[in-house]
N, C-alpha and C. Protein backbone atom coordinates (compact mmCIF):
# COMPACT_ATOMS: atom_id res chain seq x y z
N MET A 1 19.90 -23.84 -15.75
CA MET A 1 19.31 -24.60 -16.82
C MET A 1 17.81 -24.31 -16.88
N SER A 2 17.29 -24.08 -18.03
CA SER A 2 15.89 -23.74 -18.20
C SER A 2 15.02 -24.98 -18.05
N THR A 3 13.80 -24.76 -17.56
CA THR A 3 12.86 -25.86 -17.36
C THR A 3 11.64 -25.67 -18.24
N THR A 4 11.87 -25.50 -19.54
CA THR A 4 10.75 -25.25 -20.45
C THR A 4 10.11 -26.52 -20.98
N ASP A 5 10.77 -27.66 -20.86
CA ASP A 5 10.17 -28.89 -21.37
C ASP A 5 9.13 -29.39 -20.37
N ARG A 6 7.91 -29.55 -20.86
CA ARG A 6 6.79 -29.94 -20.02
C ARG A 6 6.19 -31.24 -20.54
N SER A 7 5.81 -32.11 -19.62
CA SER A 7 5.17 -33.36 -20.00
C SER A 7 3.66 -33.15 -20.07
N ALA A 8 2.95 -34.19 -20.47
CA ALA A 8 1.50 -34.12 -20.55
C ALA A 8 0.89 -33.93 -19.16
N LYS A 9 1.54 -34.50 -18.15
CA LYS A 9 1.05 -34.34 -16.78
C LYS A 9 1.15 -32.89 -16.34
N HIS A 10 2.27 -32.22 -16.66
CA HIS A 10 2.42 -30.81 -16.31
C HIS A 10 1.39 -29.95 -17.03
N LEU A 11 1.14 -30.25 -18.30
CA LEU A 11 0.15 -29.49 -19.06
C LEU A 11 -1.25 -29.66 -18.48
N THR A 12 -1.59 -30.88 -18.09
CA THR A 12 -2.89 -31.13 -17.51
C THR A 12 -3.06 -30.39 -16.19
N ILE A 13 -2.03 -30.42 -15.36
CA ILE A 13 -2.09 -29.71 -14.09
C ILE A 13 -2.20 -28.20 -14.31
N ALA A 14 -1.45 -27.67 -15.28
CA ALA A 14 -1.51 -26.24 -15.57
C ALA A 14 -2.90 -25.82 -16.05
N ILE A 15 -3.50 -26.61 -16.92
CA ILE A 15 -4.85 -26.30 -17.41
C ILE A 15 -5.86 -26.37 -16.27
N ALA A 16 -5.72 -27.36 -15.40
CA ALA A 16 -6.64 -27.49 -14.26
C ALA A 16 -6.51 -26.29 -13.32
N ILE A 17 -5.29 -25.83 -13.09
CA ILE A 17 -5.09 -24.67 -12.22
C ILE A 17 -5.68 -23.42 -12.85
N ILE A 18 -5.50 -23.26 -14.14
CA ILE A 18 -6.06 -22.10 -14.84
C ILE A 18 -7.59 -22.10 -14.76
N LEU A 19 -8.19 -23.24 -15.03
CA LEU A 19 -9.66 -23.32 -14.97
C LEU A 19 -10.17 -23.10 -13.56
N PHE A 20 -9.45 -23.62 -12.56
CA PHE A 20 -9.85 -23.39 -11.18
C PHE A 20 -9.75 -21.92 -10.82
N ALA A 21 -8.69 -21.25 -11.26
CA ALA A 21 -8.52 -19.83 -10.98
C ALA A 21 -9.64 -19.01 -11.62
N ILE A 22 -9.98 -19.32 -12.85
CA ILE A 22 -11.07 -18.61 -13.53
C ILE A 22 -12.39 -18.83 -12.80
N ALA A 23 -12.67 -20.08 -12.42
CA ALA A 23 -13.91 -20.37 -11.69
C ALA A 23 -13.95 -19.66 -10.34
N LEU A 24 -12.82 -19.62 -9.66
CA LEU A 24 -12.76 -18.94 -8.37
C LEU A 24 -12.97 -17.45 -8.51
N ILE A 25 -12.35 -16.85 -9.51
CA ILE A 25 -12.51 -15.41 -9.74
C ILE A 25 -13.96 -15.07 -10.08
N ILE A 26 -14.57 -15.86 -10.92
CA ILE A 26 -15.97 -15.61 -11.29
C ILE A 26 -16.89 -15.79 -10.09
N THR A 27 -16.66 -16.82 -9.29
CA THR A 27 -17.51 -17.07 -8.13
C THR A 27 -17.40 -15.94 -7.11
N VAL A 28 -16.19 -15.56 -6.77
CA VAL A 28 -16.01 -14.48 -5.80
C VAL A 28 -16.52 -13.16 -6.37
N GLY A 29 -16.29 -12.92 -7.66
CA GLY A 29 -16.77 -11.70 -8.28
C GLY A 29 -18.29 -11.60 -8.26
N MET A 30 -18.96 -12.70 -8.53
CA MET A 30 -20.43 -12.68 -8.50
C MET A 30 -20.95 -12.52 -7.07
N PHE A 31 -20.27 -13.16 -6.12
CA PHE A 31 -20.65 -12.99 -4.72
C PHE A 31 -20.51 -11.53 -4.30
N LEU A 32 -19.40 -10.90 -4.69
CA LEU A 32 -19.19 -9.49 -4.35
C LEU A 32 -20.16 -8.58 -5.10
N HIS A 33 -20.53 -8.97 -6.31
CA HIS A 33 -21.47 -8.17 -7.08
C HIS A 33 -22.84 -8.15 -6.40
N ILE A 34 -23.23 -9.28 -5.83
CA ILE A 34 -24.54 -9.37 -5.18
C ILE A 34 -24.50 -8.77 -3.78
N TYR A 35 -23.50 -9.14 -2.98
CA TYR A 35 -23.48 -8.77 -1.57
C TYR A 35 -22.50 -7.66 -1.22
N GLY A 36 -21.59 -7.32 -2.10
CA GLY A 36 -20.58 -6.31 -1.80
C GLY A 36 -21.11 -4.90 -1.97
N PRO A 37 -20.41 -3.95 -1.37
CA PRO A 37 -20.85 -2.56 -1.49
C PRO A 37 -20.48 -1.98 -2.85
N GLY A 38 -21.36 -1.15 -3.37
CA GLY A 38 -21.09 -0.44 -4.62
C GLY A 38 -20.83 -1.37 -5.78
N ARG A 39 -19.78 -1.08 -6.52
CA ARG A 39 -19.43 -1.87 -7.70
C ARG A 39 -18.19 -2.72 -7.45
N MET A 40 -18.07 -3.26 -6.25
CA MET A 40 -16.91 -4.04 -5.87
C MET A 40 -16.78 -5.30 -6.72
N GLY A 41 -17.88 -5.94 -7.04
CA GLY A 41 -17.84 -7.16 -7.86
C GLY A 41 -17.29 -6.90 -9.25
N ILE A 42 -17.71 -5.80 -9.85
CA ILE A 42 -17.22 -5.44 -11.19
C ILE A 42 -15.72 -5.18 -11.15
N GLY A 43 -15.27 -4.47 -10.13
CA GLY A 43 -13.84 -4.19 -9.99
C GLY A 43 -13.03 -5.46 -9.78
N PHE A 44 -13.55 -6.36 -8.97
CA PHE A 44 -12.86 -7.63 -8.74
C PHE A 44 -12.78 -8.46 -10.02
N LEU A 45 -13.88 -8.53 -10.76
CA LEU A 45 -13.88 -9.29 -12.01
C LEU A 45 -12.94 -8.66 -13.03
N THR A 46 -12.91 -7.34 -13.09
CA THR A 46 -12.01 -6.66 -14.02
C THR A 46 -10.55 -6.92 -13.65
N GLY A 47 -10.21 -6.78 -12.38
CA GLY A 47 -8.84 -7.04 -11.94
C GLY A 47 -8.42 -8.49 -12.15
N GLY A 48 -9.33 -9.41 -11.86
CA GLY A 48 -9.03 -10.82 -12.09
C GLY A 48 -8.85 -11.13 -13.56
N GLY A 49 -9.68 -10.52 -14.40
CA GLY A 49 -9.55 -10.73 -15.84
C GLY A 49 -8.25 -10.18 -16.39
N VAL A 50 -7.84 -9.01 -15.91
CA VAL A 50 -6.57 -8.42 -16.35
C VAL A 50 -5.41 -9.30 -15.90
N ALA A 51 -5.48 -9.83 -14.68
CA ALA A 51 -4.41 -10.70 -14.18
C ALA A 51 -4.31 -11.98 -15.00
N ILE A 52 -5.43 -12.59 -15.31
CA ILE A 52 -5.41 -13.82 -16.12
C ILE A 52 -4.93 -13.51 -17.53
N LEU A 53 -5.33 -12.38 -18.08
CA LEU A 53 -4.86 -11.98 -19.40
C LEU A 53 -3.34 -11.77 -19.39
N GLY A 54 -2.81 -11.15 -18.34
CA GLY A 54 -1.37 -10.95 -18.24
C GLY A 54 -0.61 -12.26 -18.17
N VAL A 55 -1.11 -13.20 -17.40
CA VAL A 55 -0.46 -14.52 -17.32
C VAL A 55 -0.56 -15.24 -18.66
N ALA A 56 -1.70 -15.10 -19.34
CA ALA A 56 -1.85 -15.75 -20.65
C ALA A 56 -0.88 -15.17 -21.67
N VAL A 57 -0.70 -13.85 -21.66
CA VAL A 57 0.25 -13.22 -22.59
C VAL A 57 1.67 -13.67 -22.29
N ALA A 58 2.01 -13.73 -21.00
CA ALA A 58 3.35 -14.18 -20.62
C ALA A 58 3.58 -15.63 -21.03
N ALA A 59 2.57 -16.48 -20.84
CA ALA A 59 2.70 -17.88 -21.23
C ALA A 59 2.82 -18.02 -22.75
N TRP A 60 2.06 -17.21 -23.49
CA TRP A 60 2.16 -17.26 -24.95
C TRP A 60 3.55 -16.83 -25.40
N ARG A 61 4.07 -15.75 -24.81
CA ARG A 61 5.41 -15.29 -25.17
C ARG A 61 6.46 -16.35 -24.83
N LEU A 62 6.26 -17.03 -23.73
CA LEU A 62 7.22 -18.06 -23.32
C LEU A 62 7.21 -19.24 -24.28
N GLN A 63 6.05 -19.58 -24.82
CA GLN A 63 5.96 -20.69 -25.76
C GLN A 63 6.45 -20.31 -27.16
N ARG A 64 6.14 -19.10 -27.60
CA ARG A 64 6.47 -18.69 -28.97
C ARG A 64 7.91 -18.20 -29.11
N ARG A 65 8.34 -17.34 -28.20
CA ARG A 65 9.69 -16.76 -28.27
C ARG A 65 10.34 -16.79 -26.89
N PRO A 66 10.81 -17.94 -26.45
CA PRO A 66 11.36 -18.02 -25.09
C PRO A 66 12.62 -17.18 -24.89
N GLY A 67 13.33 -16.87 -25.95
CA GLY A 67 14.53 -16.06 -25.83
C GLY A 67 14.26 -14.60 -25.53
N SER A 68 13.07 -14.12 -25.85
CA SER A 68 12.77 -12.71 -25.64
C SER A 68 11.95 -12.45 -24.38
N THR A 69 11.74 -13.48 -23.58
CA THR A 69 10.97 -13.27 -22.34
C THR A 69 11.87 -12.66 -21.27
N THR A 70 11.24 -11.98 -20.36
CA THR A 70 11.97 -11.33 -19.27
C THR A 70 12.15 -12.29 -18.11
N PRO A 71 13.07 -12.01 -17.20
CA PRO A 71 13.21 -12.86 -16.02
C PRO A 71 11.94 -12.92 -15.18
N LEU A 72 11.17 -11.82 -15.16
CA LEU A 72 9.92 -11.82 -14.41
C LEU A 72 8.93 -12.82 -15.00
N GLU A 73 8.80 -12.84 -16.31
CA GLU A 73 7.88 -13.78 -16.95
C GLU A 73 8.32 -15.22 -16.70
N ARG A 74 9.60 -15.48 -16.84
CA ARG A 74 10.09 -16.85 -16.61
C ARG A 74 9.92 -17.28 -15.16
N ALA A 75 10.21 -16.38 -14.23
CA ALA A 75 10.10 -16.73 -12.82
C ALA A 75 8.64 -16.89 -12.41
N TRP A 76 7.78 -15.99 -12.89
CA TRP A 76 6.37 -16.04 -12.50
C TRP A 76 5.68 -17.29 -13.04
N LEU A 77 6.10 -17.75 -14.21
CA LEU A 77 5.51 -18.95 -14.79
C LEU A 77 6.27 -20.22 -14.43
N ARG A 78 7.24 -20.10 -13.54
CA ARG A 78 8.00 -21.23 -13.02
C ARG A 78 8.71 -22.00 -14.13
N SER A 79 9.25 -21.29 -15.10
CA SER A 79 9.97 -21.94 -16.18
C SER A 79 11.40 -21.43 -16.30
N GLY A 80 11.82 -20.61 -15.37
CA GLY A 80 13.16 -20.05 -15.43
C GLY A 80 14.18 -20.94 -14.76
N ASP A 81 15.40 -20.48 -14.76
CA ASP A 81 16.46 -21.23 -14.12
C ASP A 81 16.56 -20.81 -12.64
N GLU A 82 17.63 -21.24 -12.00
CA GLU A 82 17.79 -20.95 -10.58
C GLU A 82 17.94 -19.46 -10.31
N ARG A 83 18.56 -18.75 -11.21
CA ARG A 83 18.74 -17.30 -11.04
C ARG A 83 17.39 -16.59 -11.03
N ASP A 84 16.52 -16.95 -11.95
CA ASP A 84 15.20 -16.32 -12.01
C ASP A 84 14.40 -16.62 -10.74
N ASP A 85 14.48 -17.86 -10.27
CA ASP A 85 13.78 -18.22 -9.05
C ASP A 85 14.33 -17.47 -7.84
N GLN A 86 15.64 -17.30 -7.80
CA GLN A 86 16.26 -16.60 -6.69
C GLN A 86 15.87 -15.12 -6.70
N ILE A 87 15.82 -14.51 -7.86
CA ILE A 87 15.41 -13.10 -7.96
C ILE A 87 13.96 -12.94 -7.48
N LEU A 88 13.07 -13.84 -7.90
CA LEU A 88 11.68 -13.77 -7.48
C LEU A 88 11.55 -13.97 -5.98
N THR A 89 12.28 -14.92 -5.43
CA THR A 89 12.22 -15.18 -3.99
C THR A 89 12.69 -13.98 -3.19
N ARG A 90 13.80 -13.38 -3.59
CA ARG A 90 14.31 -12.20 -2.88
C ARG A 90 13.36 -11.02 -3.00
N SER A 91 12.77 -10.84 -4.17
CA SER A 91 11.84 -9.72 -4.35
C SER A 91 10.59 -9.90 -3.50
N LEU A 92 10.08 -11.11 -3.45
CA LEU A 92 8.90 -11.36 -2.62
C LEU A 92 9.22 -11.23 -1.13
N ALA A 93 10.47 -11.52 -0.75
CA ALA A 93 10.87 -11.32 0.64
C ALA A 93 10.87 -9.83 0.99
N VAL A 94 11.32 -9.00 0.08
CA VAL A 94 11.28 -7.55 0.31
C VAL A 94 9.85 -7.08 0.44
N VAL A 95 8.96 -7.59 -0.40
CA VAL A 95 7.54 -7.20 -0.32
C VAL A 95 6.95 -7.66 1.01
N GLY A 96 7.28 -8.87 1.44
CA GLY A 96 6.77 -9.37 2.71
C GLY A 96 7.22 -8.53 3.89
N PHE A 97 8.48 -8.13 3.88
CA PHE A 97 8.99 -7.29 4.96
C PHE A 97 8.32 -5.91 4.95
N SER A 98 8.22 -5.32 3.77
CA SER A 98 7.64 -3.99 3.71
C SER A 98 6.13 -4.02 3.93
N ALA A 99 5.48 -5.16 3.70
CA ALA A 99 4.04 -5.25 3.92
C ALA A 99 3.70 -5.04 5.38
N ILE A 100 4.55 -5.52 6.27
CA ILE A 100 4.31 -5.32 7.70
C ILE A 100 4.31 -3.84 8.03
N LEU A 101 5.31 -3.13 7.51
CA LEU A 101 5.41 -1.70 7.79
C LEU A 101 4.29 -0.90 7.14
N LEU A 102 4.00 -1.21 5.88
CA LEU A 102 2.96 -0.45 5.17
C LEU A 102 1.57 -0.73 5.73
N THR A 103 1.31 -1.96 6.14
CA THR A 103 0.01 -2.27 6.72
C THR A 103 -0.16 -1.56 8.06
N GLY A 104 0.91 -1.48 8.82
CA GLY A 104 0.84 -0.71 10.06
C GLY A 104 0.56 0.76 9.81
N ALA A 105 1.24 1.31 8.80
CA ALA A 105 1.00 2.72 8.45
C ALA A 105 -0.44 2.92 7.96
N ALA A 106 -0.94 1.97 7.20
CA ALA A 106 -2.33 2.08 6.73
C ALA A 106 -3.31 1.99 7.90
N GLY A 107 -3.02 1.13 8.85
CA GLY A 107 -3.87 1.03 10.03
C GLY A 107 -3.89 2.32 10.83
N ILE A 108 -2.73 2.95 10.96
CA ILE A 108 -2.67 4.23 11.67
C ILE A 108 -3.45 5.30 10.91
N ALA A 109 -3.32 5.31 9.59
CA ALA A 109 -4.06 6.29 8.78
C ALA A 109 -5.56 6.08 8.92
N LEU A 110 -5.99 4.83 8.95
CA LEU A 110 -7.42 4.56 9.12
C LEU A 110 -7.89 4.95 10.51
N ALA A 111 -7.05 4.74 11.51
CA ALA A 111 -7.42 5.11 12.87
C ALA A 111 -7.53 6.63 13.02
N LEU A 112 -6.78 7.36 12.22
CA LEU A 112 -6.85 8.82 12.27
C LEU A 112 -7.98 9.39 11.44
N GLY A 113 -8.75 8.52 10.78
CA GLY A 113 -9.94 8.96 10.07
C GLY A 113 -9.81 9.08 8.57
N ALA A 114 -8.76 8.53 7.99
CA ALA A 114 -8.62 8.57 6.53
C ALA A 114 -9.66 7.67 5.89
N PRO A 115 -10.15 8.02 4.71
CA PRO A 115 -11.13 7.17 4.03
C PRO A 115 -10.51 5.82 3.65
N VAL A 116 -11.30 4.78 3.72
CA VAL A 116 -10.81 3.42 3.54
C VAL A 116 -10.35 3.15 2.10
N ALA A 117 -11.14 3.55 1.14
CA ALA A 117 -10.83 3.21 -0.26
C ALA A 117 -9.48 3.77 -0.73
N PRO A 118 -9.17 5.05 -0.50
CA PRO A 118 -7.85 5.52 -0.94
C PRO A 118 -6.70 4.87 -0.19
N VAL A 119 -6.89 4.60 1.10
CA VAL A 119 -5.82 3.96 1.87
C VAL A 119 -5.57 2.55 1.34
N ALA A 120 -6.63 1.81 1.07
CA ALA A 120 -6.47 0.46 0.53
C ALA A 120 -5.83 0.49 -0.85
N ALA A 121 -6.23 1.44 -1.68
CA ALA A 121 -5.63 1.54 -3.01
C ALA A 121 -4.15 1.90 -2.92
N MET A 122 -3.81 2.84 -2.05
CA MET A 122 -2.40 3.22 -1.90
C MET A 122 -1.58 2.06 -1.35
N LEU A 123 -2.16 1.28 -0.45
CA LEU A 123 -1.45 0.11 0.09
C LEU A 123 -1.17 -0.90 -1.01
N ASN A 124 -2.17 -1.20 -1.82
CA ASN A 124 -1.99 -2.17 -2.91
C ASN A 124 -0.98 -1.69 -3.94
N PHE A 125 -1.12 -0.45 -4.38
CA PHE A 125 -0.20 0.07 -5.39
C PHE A 125 1.22 0.22 -4.84
N SER A 126 1.34 0.52 -3.56
CA SER A 126 2.67 0.60 -2.95
C SER A 126 3.35 -0.76 -2.94
N LEU A 127 2.61 -1.80 -2.59
CA LEU A 127 3.19 -3.14 -2.57
C LEU A 127 3.56 -3.61 -3.98
N ILE A 128 2.74 -3.28 -4.96
CA ILE A 128 3.07 -3.65 -6.34
C ILE A 128 4.32 -2.89 -6.79
N GLY A 129 4.38 -1.62 -6.48
CA GLY A 129 5.56 -0.82 -6.84
C GLY A 129 6.83 -1.32 -6.16
N ILE A 130 6.73 -1.68 -4.89
CA ILE A 130 7.89 -2.21 -4.18
C ILE A 130 8.35 -3.51 -4.82
N PHE A 131 7.40 -4.36 -5.22
CA PHE A 131 7.78 -5.61 -5.89
C PHE A 131 8.53 -5.33 -7.19
N LEU A 132 8.00 -4.43 -8.00
CA LEU A 132 8.64 -4.14 -9.28
C LEU A 132 10.03 -3.54 -9.10
N ILE A 133 10.16 -2.62 -8.15
CA ILE A 133 11.47 -2.02 -7.90
C ILE A 133 12.44 -3.06 -7.35
N ALA A 134 11.99 -3.87 -6.39
CA ALA A 134 12.86 -4.90 -5.82
C ALA A 134 13.28 -5.92 -6.87
N PHE A 135 12.36 -6.29 -7.75
CA PHE A 135 12.70 -7.25 -8.80
C PHE A 135 13.74 -6.67 -9.74
N ALA A 136 13.55 -5.41 -10.12
CA ALA A 136 14.51 -4.77 -11.02
C ALA A 136 15.89 -4.65 -10.37
N VAL A 137 15.92 -4.28 -9.10
CA VAL A 137 17.20 -4.13 -8.41
C VAL A 137 17.90 -5.48 -8.27
N HIS A 138 17.16 -6.50 -7.87
CA HIS A 138 17.78 -7.83 -7.71
C HIS A 138 18.20 -8.42 -9.06
N ALA A 139 17.43 -8.16 -10.10
CA ALA A 139 17.80 -8.68 -11.42
C ALA A 139 19.07 -7.98 -11.94
N ARG A 140 19.20 -6.72 -11.62
CA ARG A 140 20.38 -5.98 -12.07
C ARG A 140 21.63 -6.39 -11.31
N ARG A 141 21.48 -6.67 -10.02
CA ARG A 141 22.63 -7.02 -9.19
C ARG A 141 23.13 -8.44 -9.41
N SER A 142 22.27 -9.33 -9.86
CA SER A 142 22.72 -10.72 -10.00
C SER A 142 22.96 -11.11 -11.44
């Protein structure tokens, strides 16, 4: 059963969480811009802005056309049914398990003298890719 009906209390909490997330991203981004190496603050602000924009687009799609949303959008915005929640939980479990292995491999690569930035980027993109593949596989199987 879908959980798309929201009360005023849920809307208030959602708006408060969104505003807190924006304030946190801006605060950390400015801190990194001042004290971080290179252009780390700009990258953090850009990534945070893209993430908030993605959540906003998914929320807009969920409100305007709930029938055309994907299981990922419904699960990520906590408005899906039990199946969507189960797919998200299983996919995040796969990411958690593989994170241990990938972080160990990244640590070994760093110990052998690999540059930090490419190793960190490959680690992040690998975890995102594993999540997307795991979500697609679990969504197809259930």
